Amino acid sequence: MTGRPPPPAPKSGRRRELLTFFVLAFGIWPILAVGIVGGYGFLVWGFQIIFGPPGPPGH
């Protein structure tokens, strides 16, 4: 080890990293979250269409 700190990242690399972060944080992850929650809701809806709503059996 030489004891020298690593050279700073190039400015364009940091800019690209920030752009990637913002695309993920405000683009892909929200769309993915809505898709997962919506898919789960669709599965519950389909299950209830076939087997009926939860609760005690009807008379």
PDB file of N, CA and C in Angstrom:
ATOM      1  N   MET A   1       0.844  -1.186   0.000  1.00  0.00           N
ATOM      2  CA  MET A   1       0.000   0.000   0.000  1.00  0.00           C
ATOM      3  C   MET A   1       0.879   1.236   0.000  1.00  0.00           C
ATOM      4  N   THR A   2       0.508   2.176  -0.832  1.00  0.00           N
ATOM      5  CA  THR A   2       1.290   3.401  -0.918  1.00  0.00           C
ATOM      6  C   THR A   2       0.777   4.484   0.018  1.00  0.00           C
ATOM      7  N   GLY A   3      -0.442   4.328   0.535  1.00  0.00           N
ATOM      8  CA  GLY A   3      -0.980   5.316   1.454  1.00  0.00           C
ATOM      9  C   GLY A   3      -1.622   6.494   0.755  1.00  0.00           C
ATOM     10  N   ARG A   4      -1.653   6.485  -0.573  1.00  0.00           N
ATOM     11  CA  ARG A   4      -2.280   7.589  -1.304  1.00  0.00           C
ATOM     12  C   ARG A   4      -3.770   7.319  -1.475  1.00  0.00           C
ATOM     13  N   PRO A   5      -4.608   8.347  -1.356  1.00  0.00           N
ATOM     14  CA  PRO A   5      -6.044   8.150  -1.588  1.00  0.00           C
ATOM     15  C   PRO A   5      -6.306   7.917  -3.076  1.00  0.00           C
ATOM     16  N   PRO A   6      -7.375   7.226  -3.409  1.00  0.00           N
ATOM     17  CA  PRO A   6      -7.681   7.003  -4.822  1.00  0.00           C
ATOM     18  C   PRO A   6      -8.035   8.318  -5.501  1.00  0.00           C
ATOM     19  N   PRO A   7      -7.808   8.417  -6.799  1.00  0.00           N
ATOM     20  CA  PRO A   7      -8.130   9.659  -7.504  1.00  0.00           C
ATOM     21  C   PRO A   7      -9.647   9.885  -7.508  1.00  0.00           C
ATOM     22  N   PRO A   8     -10.082  11.149  -7.511  1.00  0.00           N
ATOM     23  CA  PRO A   8     -11.521  11.429  -7.511  1.00  0.00           C
ATOM     24  C   PRO A   8     -12.174  10.921  -8.797  1.00  0.00           C
ATOM     25  N   ALA A   9     -13.442  10.577  -8.689  1.00  0.00           N
ATOM     26  CA  ALA A   9     -14.181  10.080  -9.853  1.00  0.00           C
ATOM     27  C   ALA A   9     -14.336  11.199 -10.869  1.00  0.00           C
ATOM     28  N   PRO A  10     -14.309  10.857 -12.131  1.00  0.00           N
ATOM     29  CA  PRO A  10     -14.508  11.897 -13.150  1.00  0.00           C
ATOM     30  C   PRO A  10     -15.909  12.503 -13.040  1.00  0.00           C
ATOM     31  N   LYS A  11     -16.011  13.761 -13.433  1.00  0.00           N
ATOM     32  CA  LYS A  11     -17.282  14.480 -13.305  1.00  0.00           C
ATOM     33  C   LYS A  11     -18.389  13.804 -14.104  1.00  0.00           C
ATOM     34  N   SER A  12     -18.078  13.310 -15.297  1.00  0.00           N
ATOM     35  CA  SER A  12     -19.110  12.685 -16.119  1.00  0.00           C
ATOM     36  C   SER A  12     -19.617  11.392 -15.478  1.00  0.00           C
ATOM     37  N   GLY A  13     -18.750  10.667 -14.757  1.00  0.00           N
ATOM     38  CA  GLY A  13     -19.179   9.443 -14.084  1.00  0.00           C
ATOM     39  C   GLY A  13     -20.159   9.744 -12.963  1.00  0.00           C
ATOM     40  N   ARG A  14     -19.890  10.802 -12.237  1.00  0.00           N
ATOM     41  CA  ARG A  14     -20.797  11.197 -11.143  1.00  0.00           C
ATOM     42  C   ARG A  14     -22.135  11.659 -11.706  1.00  0.00           C
ATOM     43  N   ARG A  15     -22.092  12.382 -12.799  1.00  0.00           N
ATOM     44  CA  ARG A  15     -23.339  12.847 -13.428  1.00  0.00           C
ATOM     45  C   ARG A  15     -24.166  11.659 -13.916  1.00  0.00           C
ATOM     46  N   ARG A  16     -23.503  10.696 -14.524  1.00  0.00           N
ATOM     47  CA  ARG A  16     -24.225   9.512 -15.008  1.00  0.00           C
ATOM     48  C   ARG A  16     -24.805   8.715 -13.836  1.00  0.00           C
ATOM     49  N   GLU A  17     -24.051   8.637 -12.744  1.00  0.00           N
ATOM     50  CA  GLU A  17     -24.539   7.929 -11.563  1.00  0.00           C
ATOM     51  C   GLU A  17     -25.772   8.612 -10.978  1.00  0.00           C
ATOM     52  N   LEU A  18     -25.755   9.938 -10.905  1.00  0.00           N
ATOM     53  CA  LEU A  18     -26.923  10.674 -10.408  1.00  0.00           C
ATOM     54  C   LEU A  18     -28.127  10.483 -11.332  1.00  0.00           C
ATOM     55  N   LEU A  19     -27.899  10.528 -12.632  1.00  0.00           N
ATOM     56  CA  LEU A  19     -28.982  10.318 -13.586  1.00  0.00           C
ATOM     57  C   LEU A  19     -29.574   8.920 -13.427  1.00  0.00           C
ATOM     58  N   THR A  20     -28.715   7.923 -13.267  1.00  0.00           N
ATOM     59  CA  THR A  20     -29.187   6.552 -13.050  1.00  0.00           C
ATOM     60  C   THR A  20     -29.994   6.454 -11.763  1.00  0.00           C
ATOM     61  N   PHE A  21     -29.529   7.093 -10.708  1.00  0.00           N
ATOM     62  CA  PHE A  21     -30.251   7.089  -9.438  1.00  0.00           C
ATOM     63  C   PHE A  21     -31.639   7.695  -9.593  1.00  0.00           C
ATOM     64  N   PHE A  22     -31.727   8.855 -10.245  1.00  0.00           N
ATOM     65  CA  PHE A  22     -33.026   9.513 -10.389  1.00  0.00           C
ATOM     66  C   PHE A  22     -33.973   8.710 -11.272  1.00  0.00           C
ATOM     67  N   VAL A  23     -33.459   8.077 -12.303  1.00  0.00           N
ATOM     68  CA  VAL A  23     -34.311   7.232 -13.151  1.00  0.00           C
ATOM     69  C   VAL A  23     -34.853   6.063 -12.344  1.00  0.00           C
ATOM     70  N   LEU A  24     -33.995   5.447 -11.526  1.00  0.00           N
ATOM     71  CA  LEU A  24     -34.455   4.332 -10.694  1.00  0.00           C
ATOM     72  C   LEU A  24     -35.406   4.804  -9.602  1.00  0.00           C
ATOM     73  N   ALA A  25     -35.035   5.875  -8.897  1.00  0.00           N
ATOM     74  CA  ALA A  25     -35.807   6.320  -7.737  1.00  0.00           C
ATOM     75  C   ALA A  25     -37.167   6.887  -8.120  1.00  0.00           C
ATOM     76  N   PHE A  26     -37.260   7.599  -9.232  1.00  0.00           N
ATOM     77  CA  PHE A  26     -38.505   8.277  -9.579  1.00  0.00           C
ATOM     78  C   PHE A  26     -39.159   7.725 -10.840  1.00  0.00           C
ATOM     79  N   GLY A  27     -38.591   6.703 -11.435  1.00  0.00           N
ATOM     80  CA  GLY A  27     -39.165   6.131 -12.641  1.00  0.00           C
ATOM     81  C   GLY A  27     -39.486   4.666 -12.501  1.00  0.00           C
ATOM     82  N   ILE A  28     -38.467   3.862 -12.386  1.00  0.00           N
ATOM     83  CA  ILE A  28     -38.660   2.412 -12.436  1.00  0.00           C
ATOM     84  C   ILE A  28     -39.263   1.877 -11.142  1.00  0.00           C
ATOM     85  N   TRP A  29     -38.741   2.272  -9.980  1.00  0.00           N
ATOM     86  CA  TRP A  29     -39.243   1.712  -8.717  1.00  0.00           C
ATOM     87  C   TRP A  29     -40.706   2.053  -8.455  1.00  0.00           C
ATOM     88  N   PRO A  30     -41.176   3.283  -8.679  1.00  0.00           N
ATOM     89  CA  PRO A  30     -42.608   3.541  -8.476  1.00  0.00           C
ATOM     90  C   PRO A  30     -43.493   2.726  -9.414  1.00  0.00           C
ATOM     91  N   ILE A  31     -43.091   2.598 -10.665  1.00  0.00           N
ATOM     92  CA  ILE A  31     -43.874   1.795 -11.615  1.00  0.00           C
ATOM     93  C   ILE A  31     -43.895   0.337 -11.177  1.00  0.00           C
ATOM     94  N   LEU A  32     -42.756  -0.168 -10.742  1.00  0.00           N
ATOM     95  CA  LEU A  32     -42.680  -1.555 -10.273  1.00  0.00           C
ATOM     96  C   LEU A  32     -43.534  -1.759  -9.023  1.00  0.00           C
ATOM     97  N   ALA A  33     -43.509  -0.805  -8.106  1.00  0.00           N
ATOM     98  CA  ALA A  33     -44.307  -0.919  -6.881  1.00  0.00           C
ATOM     99  C   ALA A  33     -45.800  -0.931  -7.198  1.00  0.00           C
ATOM    100  N   VAL A  34     -46.246  -0.038  -8.070  1.00  0.00           N
ATOM    101  CA  VAL A  34     -47.659  -0.002  -8.455  1.00  0.00           C
ATOM    102  C   VAL A  34     -48.042  -1.306  -9.151  1.00  0.00           C
ATOM    103  N   GLY A  35     -47.165  -1.835  -9.993  1.00  0.00           N
ATOM    104  CA  GLY A  35     -47.447  -3.092 -10.667  1.00  0.00           C
ATOM    105  C   GLY A  35     -47.570  -4.263  -9.706  1.00  0.00           C
ATOM    106  N   ILE A  36     -46.704  -4.306  -8.700  1.00  0.00           N
ATOM    107  CA  ILE A  36     -46.749  -5.406  -7.716  1.00  0.00           C
ATOM    108  C   ILE A  36     -48.025  -5.317  -6.886  1.00  0.00           C
ATOM    109  N   VAL A  37     -48.343  -4.119  -6.390  1.00  0.00           N
ATOM    110  CA  VAL A  37     -49.544  -3.957  -5.569  1.00  0.00           C
ATOM    111  C   VAL A  37     -50.796  -4.217  -6.409  1.00  0.00           C
ATOM    112  N   GLY A  38     -50.813  -3.717  -7.629  1.00  0.00           N
ATOM    113  CA  GLY A  38     -51.954  -3.960  -8.513  1.00  0.00           C
ATOM    114  C   GLY A  38     -52.098  -5.432  -8.864  1.00  0.00           C
ATOM    115  N   GLY A  39     -50.971  -6.112  -9.104  1.00  0.00           N
ATOM    116  CA  GLY A  39     -51.023  -7.546  -9.389  1.00  0.00           C
ATOM    117  C   GLY A  39     -51.546  -8.341  -8.207  1.00  0.00           C
ATOM    118  N   TYR A  40     -51.136  -7.962  -7.010  1.00  0.00           N
ATOM    119  CA  TYR A  40     -51.634  -8.635  -5.812  1.00  0.00           C
ATOM    120  C   TYR A  40     -53.143  -8.414  -5.669  1.00  0.00           C
ATOM    121  N   GLY A  41     -53.584  -7.193  -5.880  1.00  0.00           N
ATOM    122  CA  GLY A  41     -55.017  -6.894  -5.813  1.00  0.00           C
ATOM    123  C   GLY A  41     -55.798  -7.681  -6.850  1.00  0.00           C
ATOM    124  N   PHE A  42     -55.247  -7.824  -8.038  1.00  0.00           N
ATOM    125  CA  PHE A  42     -55.904  -8.596  -9.089  1.00  0.00           C
ATOM    126  C   PHE A  42     -56.005 -10.069  -8.695  1.00  0.00           C
ATOM    127  N   LEU A  43     -54.949 -10.613  -8.081  1.00  0.00           N
ATOM    128  CA  LEU A  43     -54.995 -12.008  -7.623  1.00  0.00           C
ATOM    129  C   LEU A  43     -56.050 -12.202  -6.534  1.00  0.00           C
ATOM    130  N   VAL A  44     -56.128 -11.265  -5.589  1.00  0.00           N
ATOM    131  CA  VAL A  44     -57.133 -11.359  -4.527  1.00  0.00           C
ATOM    132  C   VAL A  44     -58.533 -11.262  -5.129  1.00  0.00           C
ATOM    133  N   TRP A  45     -58.716 -10.343  -6.051  1.00  0.00           N
ATOM    134  CA  TRP A  45     -60.015 -10.192  -6.710  1.00  0.00           C
ATOM    135  C   TRP A  45     -60.408 -11.478  -7.437  1.00  0.00           C
ATOM    136  N   GLY A  46     -59.463 -12.052  -8.193  1.00  0.00           N
ATOM    137  CA  GLY A  46     -59.759 -13.295  -8.904  1.00  0.00           C
ATOM    138  C   GLY A  46     -60.073 -14.443  -7.952  1.00  0.00           C
ATOM    139  N   PHE A  47     -59.331 -14.528  -6.867  1.00  0.00           N
ATOM    140  CA  PHE A  47     -59.577 -15.574  -5.874  1.00  0.00           C
ATOM    141  C   PHE A  47     -60.980 -15.423  -5.287  1.00  0.00           C
ATOM    142  N   GLN A  48     -61.383 -14.183  -4.996  1.00  0.00           N
ATOM    143  CA  GLN A  48     -62.705 -13.954  -4.416  1.00  0.00           C
ATOM    144  C   GLN A  48     -63.818 -14.177  -5.437  1.00  0.00           C
ATOM    145  N   ILE A  49     -63.558 -13.957  -6.701  1.00  0.00           N
ATOM    146  CA  ILE A  49     -64.552 -14.254  -7.742  1.00  0.00           C
ATOM    147  C   ILE A  49     -64.816 -15.760  -7.775  1.00  0.00           C
ATOM    148  N   ILE A  50     -63.764 -16.564  -7.641  1.00  0.00           N
ATOM    149  CA  ILE A  50     -63.901 -18.019  -7.729  1.00  0.00           C
ATOM    150  C   ILE A  50     -64.420 -18.615  -6.425  1.00  0.00           C
ATOM    151  N   PHE A  51     -63.839 -18.239  -5.295  1.00  0.00           N
ATOM    152  CA  PHE A  51     -64.137 -18.883  -4.013  1.00  0.00           C
ATOM    153  C   PHE A  51     -65.031 -18.063  -3.095  1.00  0.00           C
ATOM    154  N   GLY A  52     -65.410 -16.878  -3.459  1.00  0.00           N
ATOM    155  CA  GLY A  52     -66.246 -16.031  -2.618  1.00  0.00           C
ATOM    156  C   GLY A  52     -65.414 -15.219  -1.647  1.00  0.00           C
ATOM    157  N   PRO A  53     -66.027 -14.187  -1.061  1.00  0.00           N
ATOM    158  CA  PRO A  53     -65.291 -13.333  -0.132  1.00  0.00           C
ATOM    159  C   PRO A  53     -64.971 -14.074   1.161  1.00  0.00           C
ATOM    160  N   PRO A  54     -63.981 -13.589   1.901  1.00  0.00           N
ATOM    161  CA  PRO A  54     -63.647 -14.239   3.164  1.00  0.00           C
ATOM    162  C   PRO A  54     -64.752 -14.013   4.194  1.00  0.00           C
ATOM    163  N   GLY A  55     -64.817 -14.887   5.149  1.00  0.00           N
ATOM    164  CA  GLY A  55     -65.807 -14.758   6.212  1.00  0.00           C
ATOM    165  C   GLY A  55     -66.497 -16.089   6.458  1.00  0.00           C
ATOM    166  N   PRO A  56     -67.465 -16.081   7.334  1.00  0.00           N
ATOM    167  CA  PRO A  56     -68.170 -17.332   7.628  1.00  0.00           C
ATOM    168  C   PRO A  56     -68.999 -17.784   6.424  1.00  0.00           C
ATOM    169  N   PRO A  57     -69.174 -19.082   6.272  1.00  0.00           N
ATOM    170  CA  PRO A  57     -69.961 -19.577   5.142  1.00  0.00           C
ATOM    171  C   PRO A  57     -71.407 -19.100   5.241  1.00  0.00           C
ATOM    172  N   GLY A  58     -72.037 -18.950   4.087  1.00  0.00           N
ATOM    173  CA  GLY A  58     -73.437 -18.514   4.045  1.00  0.00           C
ATOM    174  C   GLY A  58     -74.379 -19.587   4.567  1.00  0.00           C
ATOM    175  N   HIS A  59     -75.589 -19.203   4.826  1.00  0.00           N
ATOM    176  CA  HIS A  59     -76.582 -20.146   5.369  1.00  0.00           C
ATOM    177  C   HIS A  59     -77.095 -21.024   4.281  1.00  0.00           C
TER     178      HIS A  59
END
